[in-house]
Amino acid sequence: MNIEVQIARSRPEDGGAAYRQVYHVPVPDGAGWTAMDLLDYIQRRLDGSLGYFRHSACGRGLCRRCAARINGNVGYLCAHIVEDERPLVLEPISESRRIRDLVCR
């Protein structure tokens, strides 16, 4: 399965306007990947400049640092399971508190 991931990108400290970047991620059928797994793949293999919060000790929505808008709904990137090939739109939880890409204060 190939997932289209649309990520809201911005670096407010640079004064640049926000934009949406599209990535295509191959996901093995039945892999049970989360939105965080997709971001890890993108950051490691497609675009090392992607900013998002990853906490290696969590992965279960406990620390709440990876909260984001996932297809318009607030959720945790580490707990959102990708179930089908529909495009996944990822945005920061707050534009006014954005530090970079999906990272907020």
PDB file of N, CA and C in Angstrom:
ATOM      1  N   MET A   1       0.859  -1.163   0.000  1.00  0.00           N
ATOM      2  CA  MET A   1       0.000   0.000   0.000  1.00  0.00           C
ATOM      3  C   MET A   1       0.905   1.225   0.000  1.00  0.00           C
ATOM      4  N   ASN A   2       0.494   2.253  -0.695  1.00  0.00           N
ATOM      5  CA  ASN A   2       1.245   3.497  -0.796  1.00  0.00           C
ATOM      6  C   ASN A   2       0.387   4.626  -0.214  1.00  0.00           C
ATOM      7  N   ILE A   3       0.863   5.279   0.844  1.00  0.00           N
ATOM      8  CA  ILE A   3       0.108   6.324   1.535  1.00  0.00           C
ATOM      9  C   ILE A   3       0.627   7.702   1.128  1.00  0.00           C
ATOM     10  N   GLU A   4      -0.296   8.581   0.757  1.00  0.00           N
ATOM     11  CA  GLU A   4       0.056   9.981   0.516  1.00  0.00           C
ATOM     12  C   GLU A   4      -0.062  10.714   1.849  1.00  0.00           C
ATOM     13  N   VAL A   5       1.024  11.342   2.267  1.00  0.00           N
ATOM     14  CA  VAL A   5       1.048  12.086   3.526  1.00  0.00           C
ATOM     15  C   VAL A   5       1.262  13.556   3.202  1.00  0.00           C
ATOM     16  N   GLN A   6       0.305  14.383   3.601  1.00  0.00           N
ATOM     17  CA  GLN A   6       0.389  15.828   3.390  1.00  0.00           C
ATOM     18  C   GLN A   6       0.700  16.461   4.739  1.00  0.00           C
ATOM     19  N   ILE A   7       1.827  17.152   4.813  1.00  0.00           N
ATOM     20  CA  ILE A   7       2.277  17.722   6.078  1.00  0.00           C
ATOM     21  C   ILE A   7       2.360  19.236   5.971  1.00  0.00           C
ATOM     22  N   ALA A   8       1.755  19.919   6.950  1.00  0.00           N
ATOM     23  CA  ALA A   8       1.850  21.379   7.030  1.00  0.00           C
ATOM     24  C   ALA A   8       3.250  21.724   7.511  1.00  0.00           C
ATOM     25  N   ARG A   9       3.992  22.453   6.690  1.00  0.00           N
ATOM     26  CA  ARG A   9       5.374  22.821   7.023  1.00  0.00           C
ATOM     27  C   ARG A   9       5.466  24.322   7.255  1.00  0.00           C
ATOM     28  N   SER A  10       6.298  24.719   8.198  1.00  0.00           N
ATOM     29  CA  SER A  10       6.527  26.133   8.474  1.00  0.00           C
ATOM     30  C   SER A  10       7.686  26.281   9.437  1.00  0.00           C
ATOM     31  N   ARG A  11       8.409  27.364   9.265  1.00  0.00           N
ATOM     32  CA  ARG A  11       9.451  27.746  10.209  1.00  0.00           C
ATOM     33  C   ARG A  11       9.221  29.221  10.540  1.00  0.00           C
ATOM     34  N   PRO A  12       8.384  29.503  11.530  1.00  0.00           N
ATOM     35  CA  PRO A  12       8.030  30.889  11.853  1.00  0.00           C
ATOM     36  C   PRO A  12       9.237  31.792  12.103  1.00  0.00           C
ATOM     37  N   GLU A  13      10.321  31.243  12.670  1.00  0.00           N
ATOM     38  CA  GLU A  13      11.485  32.080  12.950  1.00  0.00           C
ATOM     39  C   GLU A  13      12.151  32.591  11.676  1.00  0.00           C
ATOM     40  N   ASP A  14      11.932  31.912  10.561  1.00  0.00           N
ATOM     41  CA  ASP A  14      12.476  32.353   9.279  1.00  0.00           C
ATOM     42  C   ASP A  14      11.551  33.325   8.561  1.00  0.00           C
ATOM     43  N   GLY A  15      10.335  33.510   9.086  1.00  0.00           N
ATOM     44  CA  GLY A  15       9.390  34.433   8.492  1.00  0.00           C
ATOM     45  C   GLY A  15       8.716  33.915   7.226  1.00  0.00           C
ATOM     46  N   GLY A  16       8.951  32.659   6.886  1.00  0.00           N
ATOM     47  CA  GLY A  16       8.345  32.085   5.685  1.00  0.00           C
ATOM     48  C   GLY A  16       6.901  31.700   5.905  1.00  0.00           C
ATOM     49  N   ALA A  17       6.139  31.716   4.835  1.00  0.00           N
ATOM     50  CA  ALA A  17       4.731  31.335   4.896  1.00  0.00           C
ATOM     51  C   ALA A  17       4.614  29.818   5.032  1.00  0.00           C
ATOM     52  N   ALA A  18       3.553  29.390   5.695  1.00  0.00           N
ATOM     53  CA  ALA A  18       3.284  27.958   5.828  1.00  0.00           C
ATOM     54  C   ALA A  18       2.907  27.382   4.463  1.00  0.00           C
ATOM     55  N   TYR A  19       3.244  26.130   4.271  1.00  0.00           N
ATOM     56  CA  TYR A  19       2.894  25.444   3.024  1.00  0.00           C
ATOM     57  C   TYR A  19       2.666  23.971   3.333  1.00  0.00           C
ATOM     58  N   ARG A  20       2.065  23.256   2.405  1.00  0.00           N
ATOM     59  CA  ARG A  20       1.804  21.832   2.577  1.00  0.00           C
ATOM     60  C   ARG A  20       2.728  21.049   1.658  1.00  0.00           C
ATOM     61  N   GLN A  21       3.435  20.099   2.229  1.00  0.00           N
ATOM     62  CA  GLN A  21       4.337  19.265   1.445  1.00  0.00           C
ATOM     63  C   GLN A  21       3.767  17.854   1.386  1.00  0.00           C
ATOM     64  N   VAL A  22       3.864  17.249   0.221  1.00  0.00           N
ATOM     65  CA  VAL A  22       3.297  15.918   0.005  1.00  0.00           C
ATOM     66  C   VAL A  22       4.421  14.889  -0.138  1.00  0.00           C
ATOM     67  N   TYR A  23       4.266  13.780   0.561  1.00  0.00           N
ATOM     68  CA  TYR A  23       5.200  12.659   0.495  1.00  0.00           C
ATOM     69  C   TYR A  23       4.402  11.392   0.182  1.00  0.00           C
ATOM     70  N   HIS A  24       5.053  10.428  -0.430  1.00  0.00           N
ATOM     71  CA  HIS A  24       4.431   9.133  -0.701  1.00  0.00           C
ATOM     72  C   HIS A  24       5.263   8.070   0.011  1.00  0.00           C
ATOM     73  N   VAL A  25       4.586   7.330   0.896  1.00  0.00           N
ATOM     74  CA  VAL A  25       5.279   6.363   1.741  1.00  0.00           C
ATOM     75  C   VAL A  25       4.761   4.957   1.453  1.00  0.00           C
ATOM     76  N   PRO A  26       5.661   4.038   1.103  1.00  0.00           N
ATOM     77  CA  PRO A  26       5.242   2.643   0.914  1.00  0.00           C
ATOM     78  C   PRO A  26       5.079   1.968   2.280  1.00  0.00           C
ATOM     79  N   VAL A  27       3.904   1.415   2.507  1.00  0.00           N
ATOM     80  CA  VAL A  27       3.620   0.743   3.777  1.00  0.00           C
ATOM     81  C   VAL A  27       3.252  -0.706   3.481  1.00  0.00           C
ATOM     82  N   PRO A  28       3.954  -1.648   4.078  1.00  0.00           N
ATOM     83  CA  PRO A  28       3.607  -3.058   3.850  1.00  0.00           C
ATOM     84  C   PRO A  28       2.184  -3.347   4.337  1.00  0.00           C
ATOM     85  N   ASP A  29       1.419  -4.109   3.566  1.00  0.00           N
ATOM     86  CA  ASP A  29       0.063  -4.479   3.966  1.00  0.00           C
ATOM     87  C   ASP A  29       0.086  -5.178   5.315  1.00  0.00           C
ATOM     88  N   GLY A  30      -0.846  -4.768   6.176  1.00  0.00           N
ATOM     89  CA  GLY A  30      -0.963  -5.397   7.487  1.00  0.00           C
ATOM     90  C   GLY A  30       0.128  -5.037   8.467  1.00  0.00           C
ATOM     91  N   ALA A  31       0.904  -3.996   8.173  1.00  0.00           N
ATOM     92  CA  ALA A  31       2.040  -3.639   9.028  1.00  0.00           C
ATOM     93  C   ALA A  31       1.611  -2.975  10.338  1.00  0.00           C
ATOM     94  N   GLY A  32       0.406  -2.394  10.370  1.00  0.00           N
ATOM     95  CA  GLY A  32      -0.052  -1.726  11.576  1.00  0.00           C
ATOM     96  C   GLY A  32       0.716  -0.463  11.901  1.00  0.00           C
ATOM     97  N   TRP A  33       1.144   0.257  10.871  1.00  0.00           N
ATOM     98  CA  TRP A  33       1.918   1.481  11.069  1.00  0.00           C
ATOM     99  C   TRP A  33       1.051   2.579  11.669  1.00  0.00           C
ATOM    100  N   THR A  34       1.694   3.428  12.468  1.00  0.00           N
ATOM    101  CA  THR A  34       1.042   4.614  13.013  1.00  0.00           C
ATOM    102  C   THR A  34       1.462   5.826  12.184  1.00  0.00           C
ATOM    103  N   ALA A  35       0.811   6.946  12.448  1.00  0.00           N
ATOM    104  CA  ALA A  35       1.217   8.193  11.791  1.00  0.00           C
ATOM    105  C   ALA A  35       2.660   8.524  12.160  1.00  0.00           C
ATOM    106  N   MET A  36       3.080   8.188  13.371  1.00  0.00           N
ATOM    107  CA  MET A  36       4.462   8.416  13.798  1.00  0.00           C
ATOM    108  C   MET A  36       5.432   7.571  12.975  1.00  0.00           C
ATOM    109  N   ASP A  37       5.051   6.331  12.662  1.00  0.00           N
ATOM    110  CA  ASP A  37       5.894   5.481  11.821  1.00  0.00           C
ATOM    111  C   ASP A  37       6.086   6.112  10.444  1.00  0.00           C
ATOM    112  N   LEU A  38       5.013   6.703   9.908  1.00  0.00           N
ATOM    113  CA  LEU A  38       5.117   7.389   8.611  1.00  0.00           C
ATOM    114  C   LEU A  38       6.087   8.559   8.705  1.00  0.00           C
ATOM    115  N   LEU A  39       5.978   9.352   9.777  1.00  0.00           N
ATOM    116  CA  LEU A  39       6.881  10.495   9.959  1.00  0.00           C
ATOM    117  C   LEU A  39       8.330  10.028  10.108  1.00  0.00           C
ATOM    118  N   ASP A  40       8.529   8.941  10.838  1.00  0.00           N
ATOM    119  CA  ASP A  40       9.887   8.394  10.986  1.00  0.00           C
ATOM    120  C   ASP A  40      10.453   8.004   9.623  1.00  0.00           C
ATOM    121  N   TYR A  41       9.648   7.345   8.806  1.00  0.00           N
ATOM    122  CA  TYR A  41      10.085   6.939   7.468  1.00  0.00           C
ATOM    123  C   TYR A  41      10.456   8.176   6.642  1.00  0.00           C
ATOM    124  N   ILE A  42       9.587   9.188   6.665  1.00  0.00           N
ATOM    125  CA  ILE A  42       9.834  10.408   5.893  1.00  0.00           C
ATOM    126  C   ILE A  42      11.119  11.082   6.368  1.00  0.00           C
ATOM    127  N   GLN A  43      11.266  11.229   7.684  1.00  0.00           N
ATOM    128  CA  GLN A  43      12.427  11.931   8.223  1.00  0.00           C
ATOM    129  C   GLN A  43      13.729  11.177   7.943  1.00  0.00           C
ATOM    130  N   ARG A  44      13.702   9.872   8.012  1.00  0.00           N
ATOM    131  CA  ARG A  44      14.919   9.077   7.824  1.00  0.00           C
ATOM    132  C   ARG A  44      15.268   8.828   6.363  1.00  0.00           C
ATOM    133  N   ARG A  45      14.263   8.726   5.500  1.00  0.00           N
ATOM    134  CA  ARG A  45      14.532   8.318   4.116  1.00  0.00           C
ATOM    135  C   ARG A  45      14.199   9.350   3.040  1.00  0.00           C
ATOM    136  N   LEU A  46      13.319  10.302   3.343  1.00  0.00           N
ATOM    137  CA  LEU A  46      12.896  11.235   2.301  1.00  0.00           C
ATOM    138  C   LEU A  46      13.275  12.687   2.570  1.00  0.00           C
ATOM    139  N   ASP A  47      13.175  13.126   3.827  1.00  0.00           N
ATOM    140  CA  ASP A  47      13.393  14.543   4.128  1.00  0.00           C
ATOM    141  C   ASP A  47      13.834  14.705   5.583  1.00  0.00           C
ATOM    142  N   GLY A  48      15.122  14.790   5.784  1.00  0.00           N
ATOM    143  CA  GLY A  48      15.681  14.922   7.122  1.00  0.00           C
ATOM    144  C   GLY A  48      15.385  16.242   7.802  1.00  0.00           C
ATOM    145  N   SER A  49      14.815  17.199   7.086  1.00  0.00           N
ATOM    146  CA  SER A  49      14.527  18.506   7.682  1.00  0.00           C
ATOM    147  C   SER A  49      13.166  18.559   8.371  1.00  0.00           C
ATOM    148  N   LEU A  50      12.384  17.493   8.300  1.00  0.00           N
ATOM    149  CA  LEU A  50      11.048  17.470   8.885  1.00  0.00           C
ATOM    150  C   LEU A  50      11.119  17.565  10.404  1.00  0.00           C
ATOM    151  N   GLY A  51      10.335  18.491  10.985  1.00  0.00           N
ATOM    152  CA  GLY A  51      10.307  18.669  12.426  1.00  0.00           C
ATOM    153  C   GLY A  51       9.026  18.116  13.035  1.00  0.00           C
ATOM    154  N   TYR A  52       9.170  17.200  13.990  1.00  0.00           N
ATOM    155  CA  TYR A  52       8.033  16.651  14.736  1.00  0.00           C
ATOM    156  C   TYR A  52       8.564  16.133  16.056  1.00  0.00           C
ATOM    157  N   PHE A  53       7.684  15.949  17.035  1.00  0.00           N
ATOM    158  CA  PHE A  53       8.128  15.483  18.339  1.00  0.00           C
ATOM    159  C   PHE A  53       8.042  13.970  18.395  1.00  0.00           C
ATOM    160  N   ARG A  54       9.148  13.351  18.772  1.00  0.00           N
ATOM    161  CA  ARG A  54       9.182  11.901  18.929  1.00  0.00           C
ATOM    162  C   ARG A  54       9.801  11.579  20.276  1.00  0.00           C
ATOM    163  N   HIS A  55       9.089  10.787  21.052  1.00  0.00           N
ATOM    164  CA  HIS A  55       9.575  10.385  22.360  1.00  0.00           C
ATOM    165  C   HIS A  55       9.682   8.861  22.358  1.00  0.00           C
ATOM    166  N   SER A  56      10.882   8.353  22.402  1.00  0.00           N
ATOM    167  CA  SER A  56      11.100   6.916  22.258  1.00  0.00           C
ATOM    168  C   SER A  56      10.524   6.088  23.403  1.00  0.00           C
ATOM    169  N   ALA A  57      10.283   6.692  24.541  1.00  0.00           N
ATOM    170  CA  ALA A  57       9.771   5.925  25.683  1.00  0.00           C
ATOM    171  C   ALA A  57       8.252   5.890  25.744  1.00  0.00           C
ATOM    172  N   CYS A  58       7.580   6.627  24.884  1.00  0.00           N
ATOM    173  CA  CYS A  58       6.121   6.681  24.970  1.00  0.00           C
ATOM    174  C   CYS A  58       5.504   5.715  23.960  1.00  0.00           C
ATOM    175  N   GLY A  59       5.036   6.247  22.840  1.00  0.00           N
ATOM    176  CA  GLY A  59       4.446   5.403  21.804  1.00  0.00           C
ATOM    177  C   GLY A  59       3.039   4.929  22.103  1.00  0.00           C
ATOM    178  N   ARG A  60       2.416   5.453  23.168  1.00  0.00           N
ATOM    179  CA  ARG A  60       1.074   5.019  23.517  1.00  0.00           C
ATOM    180  C   ARG A  60       0.149   6.184  23.837  1.00  0.00           C
ATOM    181  N   GLY A  61       0.505   7.393  23.466  1.00  0.00           N
ATOM    182  CA  GLY A  61      -0.328   8.555  23.723  1.00  0.00           C
ATOM    183  C   GLY A  61      -0.304   9.013  25.174  1.00  0.00           C
ATOM    184  N   LEU A  62       0.686   8.593  25.943  1.00  0.00           N
ATOM    185  CA  LEU A  62       0.747   8.950  27.360  1.00  0.00           C
ATOM    186  C   LEU A  62       1.378  10.312  27.608  1.00  0.00           C
ATOM    187  N   CYS A  63       2.447  10.627  26.876  1.00  0.00           N
ATOM    188  CA  CYS A  63       3.141  11.889  27.147  1.00  0.00           C
ATOM    189  C   CYS A  63       2.437  13.077  26.478  1.00  0.00           C
ATOM    190  N   ARG A  64       1.640  12.812  25.479  1.00  0.00           N
ATOM    191  CA  ARG A  64       0.811  13.815  24.776  1.00  0.00           C
ATOM    192  C   ARG A  64       1.611  14.854  24.008  1.00  0.00           C
ATOM    193  N   ARG A  65       2.903  14.676  23.864  1.00  0.00           N
ATOM    194  CA  ARG A  65       3.721  15.659  23.152  1.00  0.00           C
ATOM    195  C   ARG A  65       3.540  15.576  21.644  1.00  0.00           C
ATOM    196  N   CYS A  66       3.060  14.448  21.129  1.00  0.00           N
ATOM    197  CA  CYS A  66       2.908  14.285  19.678  1.00  0.00           C
ATOM    198  C   CYS A  66       1.495  14.605  19.209  1.00  0.00           C
ATOM    199  N   ALA A  67       0.746  15.372  19.991  1.00  0.00           N
ATOM    200  CA  ALA A  67      -0.604  15.763  19.583  1.00  0.00           C
ATOM    201  C   ALA A  67      -0.523  16.601  18.304  1.00  0.00           C
ATOM    202  N   ALA A  68      -1.429  16.321  17.392  1.00  0.00           N
ATOM    203  CA  ALA A  68      -1.483  17.042  16.117  1.00  0.00           C
ATOM    204  C   ALA A  68      -2.898  16.924  15.553  1.00  0.00           C
ATOM    205  N   ARG A  69      -3.162  17.662  14.501  1.00  0.00           N
ATOM    206  CA  ARG A  69      -4.418  17.486  13.775  1.00  0.00           C
ATOM    207  C   ARG A  69      -4.163  16.431  12.713  1.00  0.00           C
ATOM    208  N   ILE A  70      -4.946  15.373  12.789  1.00  0.00           N
ATOM    209  CA  ILE A  70      -4.824  14.256  11.856  1.00  0.00           C
ATOM    210  C   ILE A  70      -6.113  14.207  11.060  1.00  0.00           C
ATOM    211  N   ASN A  71      -6.031  14.564   9.793  1.00  0.00           N
ATOM    212  CA  ASN A  71      -7.228  14.681   8.946  1.00  0.00           C
ATOM    213  C   ASN A  71      -8.281  15.562   9.608  1.00  0.00           C
ATOM    214  N   GLY A  72      -7.828  16.646  10.241  1.00  0.00           N
ATOM    215  CA  GLY A  72      -8.732  17.635  10.831  1.00  0.00           C
ATOM    216  C   GLY A  72      -9.123  17.379  12.275  1.00  0.00           C
ATOM    217  N   ASN A  73      -8.841  16.203  12.797  1.00  0.00           N
ATOM    218  CA  ASN A  73      -9.200  15.862  14.174  1.00  0.00           C
ATOM    219  C   ASN A  73      -7.954  15.783  15.041  1.00  0.00           C
ATOM    220  N   VAL A  74      -8.059  16.278  16.271  1.00  0.00           N
ATOM    221  CA  VAL A  74      -6.924  16.225  17.181  1.00  0.00           C
ATOM    222  C   VAL A  74      -6.713  14.782  17.640  1.00  0.00           C
ATOM    223  N   GLY A  75      -5.454  14.356  17.579  1.00  0.00           N
ATOM    224  CA  GLY A  75      -5.108  13.000  18.012  1.00  0.00           C
ATOM    225  C   GLY A  75      -3.623  12.912  18.276  1.00  0.00           C
ATOM    226  N   TYR A  76      -3.172  11.727  18.660  1.00  0.00           N
ATOM    227  CA  TYR A  76      -1.764  11.498  18.938  1.00  0.00           C
ATOM    228  C   TYR A  76      -1.135  10.734  17.776  1.00  0.00           C
ATOM    229  N   LEU A  77      -0.055  11.264  17.252  1.00  0.00           N
ATOM    230  CA  LEU A  77       0.609  10.648  16.105  1.00  0.00           C
ATOM    231  C   LEU A  77       1.075   9.231  16.415  1.00  0.00           C
ATOM    232  N   CYS A  78       1.495   8.990  17.658  1.00  0.00           N
ATOM    233  CA  CYS A  78       2.008   7.668  18.027  1.00  0.00           C
ATOM    234  C   CYS A  78       0.905   6.631  18.178  1.00  0.00           C
ATOM    235  N   ALA A  79      -0.347   7.071  18.302  1.00  0.00           N
ATOM    236  CA  ALA A  79      -1.454   6.142  18.537  1.00  0.00           C
ATOM    237  C   ALA A  79      -2.402   6.010  17.338  1.00  0.00           C
ATOM    238  N   HIS A  80      -2.259   6.880  16.347  1.00  0.00           N
ATOM    239  CA  HIS A  80      -3.160   6.844  15.181  1.00  0.00           C
ATOM    240  C   HIS A  80      -2.687   5.779  14.198  1.00  0.00           C
ATOM    241  N   ILE A  81      -3.446   4.707  14.072  1.00  0.00           N
ATOM    242  CA  ILE A  81      -3.111   3.604  13.169  1.00  0.00           C
ATOM    243  C   ILE A  81      -3.576   3.932  11.756  1.00  0.00           C
ATOM    244  N   VAL A  82      -2.704   3.732  10.783  1.00  0.00           N
ATOM    245  CA  VAL A  82      -3.033   3.940   9.376  1.00  0.00           C
ATOM    246  C   VAL A  82      -3.706   2.660   8.880  1.00  0.00           C
ATOM    247  N   GLU A  83      -4.972   2.780   8.486  1.00  0.00           N
ATOM    248  CA  GLU A  83      -5.742   1.591   8.147  1.00  0.00           C
ATOM    249  C   GLU A  83      -6.029   1.417   6.663  1.00  0.00           C
ATOM    250  N   ASP A  84      -5.940   2.485   5.900  1.00  0.00           N
ATOM    251  CA  ASP A  84      -6.239   2.364   4.474  1.00  0.00           C
ATOM    252  C   ASP A  84      -5.373   3.328   3.677  1.00  0.00           C
ATOM    253  N   GLU A  85      -5.624   3.404   2.386  1.00  0.00           N
ATOM    254  CA  GLU A  85      -4.772   4.206   1.491  1.00  0.00           C
ATOM    255  C   GLU A  85      -5.230   5.647   1.320  1.00  0.00           C
ATOM    256  N   ARG A  86      -6.194   6.089   2.123  1.00  0.00           N
ATOM    257  CA  ARG A  86      -6.626   7.483   2.015  1.00  0.00           C
ATOM    258  C   ARG A  86      -5.479   8.415   2.380  1.00  0.00           C
ATOM    259  N   PRO A  87      -5.412   9.591   1.748  1.00  0.00           N
ATOM    260  CA  PRO A  87      -4.367  10.550   2.114  1.00  0.00           C
ATOM    261  C   PRO A  87      -4.461  10.917   3.594  1.00  0.00           C
ATOM    262  N   LEU A  88      -3.324  11.130   4.202  1.00  0.00           N
ATOM    263  CA  LEU A  88      -3.245  11.507   5.603  1.00  0.00           C
ATOM    264  C   LEU A  88      -2.745  12.947   5.657  1.00  0.00           C
ATOM    265  N   VAL A  89      -3.541  13.834   6.252  1.00  0.00           N
ATOM    266  CA  VAL A  89      -3.182  15.247   6.367  1.00  0.00           C
ATOM    267  C   VAL A  89      -2.784  15.508   7.815  1.00  0.00           C
ATOM    268  N   LEU A  90      -1.547  15.949   8.015  1.00  0.00           N
ATOM    269  CA  LEU A  90      -1.014  16.208   9.352  1.00  0.00           C
ATOM    270  C   LEU A  90      -0.702  17.689   9.506  1.00  0.00           C
ATOM    271  N   GLU A  91      -1.259  18.288  10.560  1.00  0.00           N
ATOM    272  CA  GLU A  91      -1.077  19.710  10.825  1.00  0.00           C
ATOM    273  C   GLU A  91      -0.765  19.901  12.307  1.00  0.00           C
ATOM    274  N   PRO A  92      -0.111  21.009  12.658  1.00  0.00           N
ATOM    275  CA  PRO A  92       0.169  21.250  14.077  1.00  0.00           C
ATOM    276  C   PRO A  92      -1.136  21.478  14.833  1.00  0.00           C
ATOM    277  N   ILE A  93      -1.110  21.196  16.104  1.00  0.00           N
ATOM    278  CA  ILE A  93      -2.312  21.364  16.912  1.00  0.00           C
ATOM    279  C   ILE A  93      -2.658  22.845  17.079  1.00  0.00           C
ATOM    280  N   SER A  94      -1.657  23.725  16.991  1.00  0.00           N
ATOM    281  CA  SER A  94      -1.887  25.157  17.163  1.00  0.00           C
ATOM    282  C   SER A  94      -0.937  25.954  16.264  1.00  0.00           C
ATOM    283  N   GLU A  95      -1.506  26.756  15.402  1.00  0.00           N
ATOM    284  CA  GLU A  95      -0.672  27.622  14.549  1.00  0.00           C
ATOM    285  C   GLU A  95       0.035  28.691  15.375  1.00  0.00           C
ATOM    286  N   SER A  96      -0.646  29.231  16.367  1.00  0.00           N
ATOM    287  CA  SER A  96      -0.060  30.325  17.148  1.00  0.00           C
ATOM    288  C   SER A  96       1.080  29.855  18.048  1.00  0.00           C
ATOM    289  N   ARG A  97       1.125  28.563  18.362  1.00  0.00           N
ATOM    290  CA  ARG A  97       2.170  28.035  19.237  1.00  0.00           C
ATOM    291  C   ARG A  97       3.198  27.204  18.469  1.00  0.00           C
ATOM    292  N   ARG A  98       3.129  27.232  17.154  1.00  0.00           N
ATOM    293  CA  ARG A  98       4.040  26.423  16.338  1.00  0.00           C
ATOM    294  C   ARG A  98       5.467  26.929  16.440  1.00  0.00           C
ATOM    295  N   ILE A  99       6.379  25.980  16.627  1.00  0.00           N
ATOM    296  CA  ILE A  99       7.804  26.287  16.622  1.00  0.00           C
ATOM    297  C   ILE A  99       8.373  25.981  15.255  1.00  0.00           C
ATOM    298  N   ARG A 100       8.002  24.806  14.738  1.00  0.00           N
ATOM    299  CA  ARG A 100       8.491  24.355  13.429  1.00  0.00           C
ATOM    300  C   ARG A 100       7.659  23.158  12.995  1.00  0.00           C
ATOM    301  N   ASP A 101       7.209  23.142  11.780  1.00  0.00           N
ATOM    302  CA  ASP A 101       6.466  22.034  11.194  1.00  0.00           C
ATOM    303  C   ASP A 101       5.364  21.546  12.149  1.00  0.00           C
ATOM    304  N   LEU A 102       5.495  20.343  12.724  1.00  0.00           N
ATOM    305  CA  LEU A 102       4.458  19.801  13.615  1.00  0.00           C
ATOM    306  C   LEU A 102       4.793  19.976  15.092  1.00  0.00           C
ATOM    307  N   VAL A 103       5.843  20.715  15.394  1.00  0.00           N
ATOM    308  CA  VAL A 103       6.271  20.926  16.783  1.00  0.00           C
ATOM    309  C   VAL A 103       5.651  22.219  17.321  1.00  0.00           C
ATOM    310  N   CYS A 104       4.957  22.102  18.466  1.00  0.00           N
ATOM    311  CA  CYS A 104       4.338  23.261  19.120  1.00  0.00           C
ATOM    312  C   CYS A 104       4.823  23.364  20.551  1.00  0.00           C
ATOM    313  N   ARG A 105       4.686  24.566  21.106  1.00  0.00           N
ATOM    314  CA  ARG A 105       5.055  24.784  22.520  1.00  0.00           C
ATOM    315  C   ARG A 105       4.019  24.150  23.410  1.00  0.00           C
TER     316      ARG A 105
END
